[in-house]
Amino acid sequence: MNASPDGSPVTGTVTGPVLGMDVGSECVKAVILGPDQGILARTSTPTCGYFETCIEEATKAVIEESKIATDDLAAVVATGFGARCVTNATSEVSSSMAHAIGAHLHNPHEMTIIDIGGQEIRAISVAADGTRLAARGGRKCISGIGSFLMFAARHLDVHPTRMQELAAESDTPATVSSFCSVFSSNELLEHLRDGSSREDVALGCMQAIAERILELGVQGPSVVITGGVPEYFPGVLKQFEQLSSIEVTVSPDPIYTGAHGAALTAFSTIGKDEE
């Protein structure tokens, strides 16, 4: 249940159920919360083809799982890369605000969130009461790192969640030096063409992404990770911890943090009118 700074439930005019939708470049995530702000259902659908079609598929799936009718929804809150494509949204909230609220639910203290999604990576500063203080993204040329990792897994013929197992078998990572995701993909293919092992290329990809996260200049003492990359590529976090000497906490079910946080905003004024 969402909580205010004094620990009491956040209340507002909406009594639920509420649908939160985080429309990313790789997946559409949907979470339905009941009147008590507990999760009734959630789903994740790959983003392919028209965004509107993927949104419809995700909505249908989560509605069926929740066993409620679409007309029963008190609010639909959209966030993410394709938020504007949620045509039935009653409100929209910034991705950084949605992740701040969703992560603070499980980590009710001051922290820095690193949100690593398919399209973007950002650092979000959050106060002890859950207030988002600031958000900053990486250089534009490092956008698409989640999509790059999905590309890597496909060409390495390994399931995304097992890429770290492949990387663990290497002591000599292939160099993936470009900070441009497009050029990095070309480097990966060139390594495979020239005979580098799948293990070396996997480790090189993990290290490359960890180095890009480091560029954000994130400091402790509490660093919480959200987004699709930690869900599917946990090996990236291991590499980041080794390179930075920073111990991180992964938000529970990190791929749903944004959708969950977006839904929570419907129950209060939190996140309203945020950029």
Protein backbone atom coordinates (compact mmCIF):
# COMPACT_ATOMS: atom_id res chain seq x y z
CA MET A 1 0.00 0.00 0.00
CA ASN A 2 1.29 3.46 -0.84
CA ALA A 3 2.23 5.45 2.25
CA SER A 4 2.63 9.08 3.16
CA PRO A 5 5.66 10.36 5.09
CA ASP A 6 4.00 9.55 8.43
CA GLY A 7 3.40 5.95 7.31
CA SER A 8 -0.35 6.21 6.78
CA PRO A 9 -1.96 5.13 3.49
CA VAL A 10 -2.10 7.79 0.79
CA THR A 11 -5.70 8.62 0.01
CA GLY A 12 -7.37 10.72 -2.64
CA THR A 13 -10.55 11.09 -4.62
CA VAL A 14 -9.97 7.89 -6.65
CA THR A 15 -11.02 4.70 -4.88
CA GLY A 16 -9.88 2.27 -7.59
CA PRO A 17 -9.42 0.07 -9.39
CA VAL A 18 -6.69 1.89 -11.30
CA LEU A 19 -4.66 0.86 -14.35
CA GLY A 20 -1.05 2.05 -14.61
CA MET A 21 0.65 1.64 -17.99
CA ASP A 22 4.36 2.04 -18.66
CA VAL A 23 4.82 2.03 -22.42
CA GLY A 24 8.47 1.28 -23.16
CA SER A 25 10.39 0.71 -26.37
CA GLU A 26 10.79 -3.01 -25.60
CA CYS A 27 7.69 -3.84 -23.51
CA VAL A 28 4.33 -2.45 -22.46
CA LYS A 29 3.86 -3.00 -18.73
CA ALA A 30 0.41 -2.83 -17.14
CA VAL A 31 -0.54 -2.99 -13.45
CA ILE A 32 -4.04 -2.84 -11.96
CA LEU A 33 -4.43 -1.76 -8.34
CA GLY A 34 -7.55 -2.36 -6.29
CA PRO A 35 -9.24 0.13 -3.93
CA ASP A 36 -6.78 -0.89 -1.18
CA GLN A 37 -3.90 -0.09 -3.59
CA GLY A 38 -2.90 -3.75 -3.68
CA ILE A 39 -1.98 -5.38 -6.99
CA LEU A 40 -4.90 -7.18 -8.65
CA ALA A 41 -3.07 -8.08 -11.85
CA ARG A 42 -0.08 -7.18 -13.99
CA THR A 43 1.34 -8.13 -17.36
CA SER A 44 4.14 -7.33 -19.76
CA THR A 45 3.72 -7.43 -23.54
CA PRO A 46 6.55 -7.03 -26.10
CA THR A 47 6.43 -3.76 -28.00
CA CYS A 48 6.32 -4.58 -31.70
CA GLY A 49 4.48 -3.02 -34.60
CA TYR A 50 2.07 -0.25 -33.68
CA PHE A 51 2.26 0.94 -30.09
CA GLU A 52 -1.50 1.29 -29.89
CA THR A 53 -1.96 -2.39 -30.78
CA CYS A 54 0.51 -3.50 -28.09
CA ILE A 55 -1.24 -1.28 -25.55
CA GLU A 56 -4.59 -2.84 -26.44
CA GLU A 57 -3.13 -6.35 -26.04
CA ALA A 58 -1.61 -5.52 -22.66
CA THR A 59 -4.83 -3.89 -21.47
CA LYS A 60 -6.93 -6.86 -22.52
CA ALA A 61 -4.58 -9.32 -20.81
CA VAL A 62 -4.40 -7.45 -17.51
CA ILE A 63 -8.16 -6.84 -17.43
CA GLU A 64 -8.82 -10.55 -17.95
CA GLU A 65 -6.37 -11.49 -15.21
CA SER A 66 -7.87 -9.00 -12.75
CA LYS A 67 -11.41 -10.27 -13.47
CA ILE A 68 -12.83 -6.76 -13.55
CA ALA A 69 -14.59 -4.94 -16.38
CA THR A 70 -12.90 -2.15 -18.30
CA ASP A 71 -15.74 0.18 -17.30
CA ASP A 72 -14.89 -0.47 -13.64
CA LEU A 73 -11.56 1.34 -13.95
CA ALA A 74 -11.61 4.59 -12.01
CA ALA A 75 -8.48 5.90 -13.72
CA VAL A 76 -5.84 5.01 -16.31
CA VAL A 77 -2.42 6.58 -15.76
CA ALA A 78 0.19 6.44 -18.52
CA THR A 79 3.97 6.84 -18.37
CA GLY A 80 7.01 5.88 -20.39
CA PHE A 81 8.39 6.39 -23.89
CA GLY A 82 5.03 5.83 -25.59
CA ALA A 83 2.71 7.25 -22.93
CA ARG A 84 0.94 9.51 -25.40
CA CYS A 85 -0.23 6.42 -27.30
CA VAL A 86 -2.48 5.39 -24.38
CA THR A 87 -5.55 7.01 -25.85
CA ASN A 88 -7.83 6.21 -22.90
CA ALA A 89 -5.47 7.63 -20.27
CA THR A 90 -7.10 9.90 -17.72
CA SER A 91 -3.70 11.32 -16.74
CA GLU A 92 -0.02 11.06 -17.59
CA VAL A 93 2.99 11.16 -15.27
CA SER A 94 6.68 11.51 -16.03
CA SER A 95 8.71 8.32 -16.08
CA SER A 96 11.11 9.60 -13.42
CA MET A 97 8.22 10.40 -11.07
CA ALA A 98 6.57 7.02 -11.67
CA HIS A 99 9.81 5.15 -10.90
CA ALA A 100 10.47 7.31 -7.84
CA ILE A 101 7.06 6.48 -6.37
CA GLY A 102 7.20 2.81 -7.33
CA ALA A 103 10.70 2.30 -5.91
CA HIS A 104 10.00 4.26 -2.71
CA LEU A 105 7.10 1.93 -1.93
CA HIS A 106 9.62 -0.87 -1.29
CA ASN A 107 12.55 1.31 -0.21
CA PRO A 108 11.09 4.05 2.03
CA HIS A 109 14.24 6.11 2.51
CA GLU A 110 16.51 8.56 0.72
CA MET A 111 18.07 6.98 -2.36
CA THR A 112 19.33 7.34 -5.88
CA ILE A 113 17.43 5.29 -8.44
CA ILE A 114 19.08 4.10 -11.63
CA ASP A 115 16.31 3.38 -14.11
CA ILE A 116 17.68 1.24 -16.96
CA GLY A 117 15.11 0.70 -19.66
CA GLY A 118 15.09 -0.29 -23.29
CA GLN A 119 15.38 3.27 -24.56
CA GLU A 120 16.79 5.38 -21.73
CA ILE A 121 18.97 5.33 -18.65
CA ARG A 122 18.54 7.93 -15.92
CA ALA A 123 19.53 8.68 -12.35
CA ILE A 124 16.71 9.87 -10.07
CA SER A 125 17.33 11.43 -6.65
CA VAL A 126 14.60 10.72 -4.10
CA ALA A 127 14.17 12.21 -0.62
CA ALA A 128 13.37 10.17 2.47
CA ASP A 129 9.66 11.04 2.16
CA GLY A 130 9.53 9.84 -1.46
CA THR A 131 9.76 13.27 -3.08
CA ARG A 132 11.58 13.22 -6.39
CA LEU A 133 14.35 15.80 -6.08
CA ALA A 134 16.03 15.61 -9.47
CA ALA A 135 16.46 13.39 -12.52
CA ARG A 136 19.18 13.31 -15.13
CA GLY A 137 19.73 11.11 -18.14
CA GLY A 138 22.80 9.84 -19.90
CA ARG A 139 24.16 11.25 -23.12
CA LYS A 140 21.73 10.91 -26.02
CA CYS A 141 24.15 8.62 -27.85
CA ILE A 142 23.86 5.95 -25.13
CA SER A 143 20.09 5.67 -25.55
CA GLY A 144 18.76 2.26 -26.44
CA ILE A 145 21.04 0.16 -24.22
CA GLY A 146 18.23 -2.21 -23.29
CA SER A 147 17.47 -2.73 -26.96
CA PHE A 148 21.19 -3.28 -27.58
CA LEU A 149 21.30 -6.02 -24.94
CA MET A 150 18.28 -7.74 -26.47
CA PHE A 151 20.07 -7.55 -29.83
CA ALA A 152 23.18 -9.06 -28.21
CA ALA A 153 21.27 -11.93 -26.60
CA ARG A 154 19.63 -12.78 -29.90
CA HIS A 155 22.93 -12.91 -31.81
CA LEU A 156 24.65 -14.80 -28.99
CA ASP A 157 21.78 -17.33 -29.09
CA VAL A 158 21.16 -17.10 -25.34
CA HIS A 159 18.11 -16.21 -23.26
CA PRO A 160 18.54 -12.68 -21.82
CA THR A 161 18.42 -13.87 -18.19
CA ARG A 162 21.19 -16.41 -18.89
CA MET A 163 23.57 -14.02 -20.58
CA GLN A 164 25.41 -13.54 -17.29
CA GLU A 165 26.07 -17.30 -17.12
CA LEU A 166 27.69 -17.10 -20.54
CA ALA A 167 29.73 -14.07 -19.50
CA ALA A 168 30.89 -15.82 -16.30
CA GLU A 169 32.81 -18.33 -18.42
CA SER A 170 35.07 -15.62 -19.84
CA ASP A 171 38.17 -13.94 -18.44
CA THR A 172 38.95 -11.94 -21.57
CA PRO A 173 36.03 -9.67 -22.49
CA ALA A 174 35.73 -8.54 -26.08
CA THR A 175 36.11 -4.79 -26.32
CA VAL A 176 32.83 -2.98 -26.98
CA SER A 177 34.12 0.56 -26.79
CA SER A 178 31.56 2.69 -28.57
CA PHE A 179 29.12 4.68 -26.45
CA CYS A 180 26.71 4.72 -29.40
CA SER A 181 24.31 1.79 -29.23
CA VAL A 182 24.21 1.46 -33.01
CA PHE A 183 27.99 1.31 -33.32
CA SER A 184 28.16 -1.08 -30.35
CA SER A 185 25.87 -3.46 -32.22
CA ASN A 186 28.21 -3.31 -35.20
CA GLU A 187 31.20 -4.06 -32.93
CA LEU A 188 29.40 -7.09 -31.52
CA LEU A 189 28.77 -8.51 -34.98
CA GLU A 190 32.37 -7.83 -36.01
CA HIS A 191 33.68 -9.73 -32.96
CA LEU A 192 31.52 -12.74 -33.80
CA ARG A 193 32.56 -12.58 -37.46
CA ASP A 194 36.23 -12.46 -36.50
CA GLY A 195 35.98 -15.52 -34.25
CA SER A 196 35.62 -14.13 -30.73
CA SER A 197 33.89 -16.57 -28.41
CA ARG A 198 30.28 -16.04 -27.38
CA GLU A 199 31.48 -15.93 -23.78
CA ASP A 200 33.97 -13.12 -24.44
CA VAL A 201 31.42 -11.09 -26.38
CA ALA A 202 28.78 -11.55 -23.66
CA LEU A 203 31.16 -10.30 -20.97
CA GLY A 204 32.24 -7.41 -23.17
CA CYS A 205 28.63 -6.33 -23.63
CA MET A 206 27.94 -6.49 -19.88
CA GLN A 207 31.03 -4.42 -19.09
CA ALA A 208 30.20 -1.87 -21.77
CA ILE A 209 26.77 -1.20 -20.30
CA ALA A 210 28.17 -1.05 -16.75
CA GLU A 211 30.64 1.61 -17.92
CA ARG A 212 27.80 3.64 -19.40
CA ILE A 213 25.94 3.52 -16.09
CA LEU A 214 29.11 4.70 -14.35
CA GLU A 215 29.13 7.76 -16.58
CA LEU A 216 26.06 9.03 -14.70
CA GLY A 217 28.32 9.60 -11.68
CA VAL A 218 25.94 7.91 -9.24
CA GLN A 219 26.99 7.96 -5.57
CA GLY A 220 25.78 5.93 -2.57
CA PRO A 221 24.90 5.25 0.13
CA SER A 222 21.64 3.78 -1.21
CA VAL A 223 21.36 2.97 -4.91
CA VAL A 224 18.19 1.23 -6.15
CA ILE A 225 17.87 -0.22 -9.64
CA THR A 226 14.63 -0.29 -11.65
CA GLY A 227 13.61 -1.00 -15.24
CA GLY A 228 13.65 -3.84 -17.71
CA VAL A 229 17.43 -4.31 -17.92
CA PRO A 230 17.84 -5.52 -14.30
CA GLU A 231 14.86 -7.83 -14.85
CA TYR A 232 16.33 -9.54 -17.90
CA PHE A 233 20.07 -8.84 -17.62
CA PRO A 234 21.07 -9.08 -13.93
CA GLY A 235 24.67 -9.65 -15.00
CA VAL A 236 24.95 -5.97 -15.87
CA LEU A 237 24.47 -5.08 -12.19
CA LYS A 238 27.21 -7.50 -11.14
CA GLN A 239 29.61 -5.80 -13.53
CA PHE A 240 28.52 -2.37 -12.31
CA GLU A 241 29.14 -3.33 -8.68
CA GLN A 242 32.60 -4.64 -9.54
CA LEU A 243 33.56 -1.51 -11.49
CA SER A 244 32.08 1.02 -9.07
CA SER A 245 32.45 -0.70 -5.66
CA ILE A 246 28.87 0.41 -5.06
CA GLU A 247 26.45 -2.19 -3.71
CA VAL A 248 23.04 -1.84 -5.32
CA THR A 249 19.53 -2.95 -4.38
CA VAL A 250 17.19 -4.14 -7.11
CA SER A 251 13.61 -3.01 -6.66
CA PRO A 252 11.23 -6.01 -6.49
CA ASP A 253 10.06 -6.95 -9.98
CA PRO A 254 11.92 -3.94 -11.41
CA ILE A 255 10.30 -4.08 -14.83
CA TYR A 256 6.95 -3.14 -13.24
CA THR A 257 8.22 -0.27 -11.05
CA GLY A 258 7.13 2.45 -13.48
CA ALA A 259 3.66 1.06 -14.14
CA HIS A 260 3.08 0.45 -10.43
CA GLY A 261 4.23 3.95 -9.53
CA ALA A 262 2.05 5.48 -12.24
CA ALA A 263 -1.02 3.68 -10.89
CA LEU A 264 -0.27 4.85 -7.35
CA THR A 265 -0.38 8.51 -8.41
CA ALA A 266 -4.09 8.18 -9.11
CA PHE A 267 -4.78 7.78 -5.40
CA SER A 268 -3.29 11.13 -4.44
CA THR A 269 -1.84 14.37 -5.72
CA ILE A 270 1.64 12.81 -5.85
CA GLY A 271 3.18 13.26 -9.27
CA LYS A 272 0.49 15.60 -10.59
CA ASP A 273 1.69 18.43 -12.82
CA GLU A 274 5.25 17.09 -12.78
CA GLU A 275 7.55 17.57 -15.75
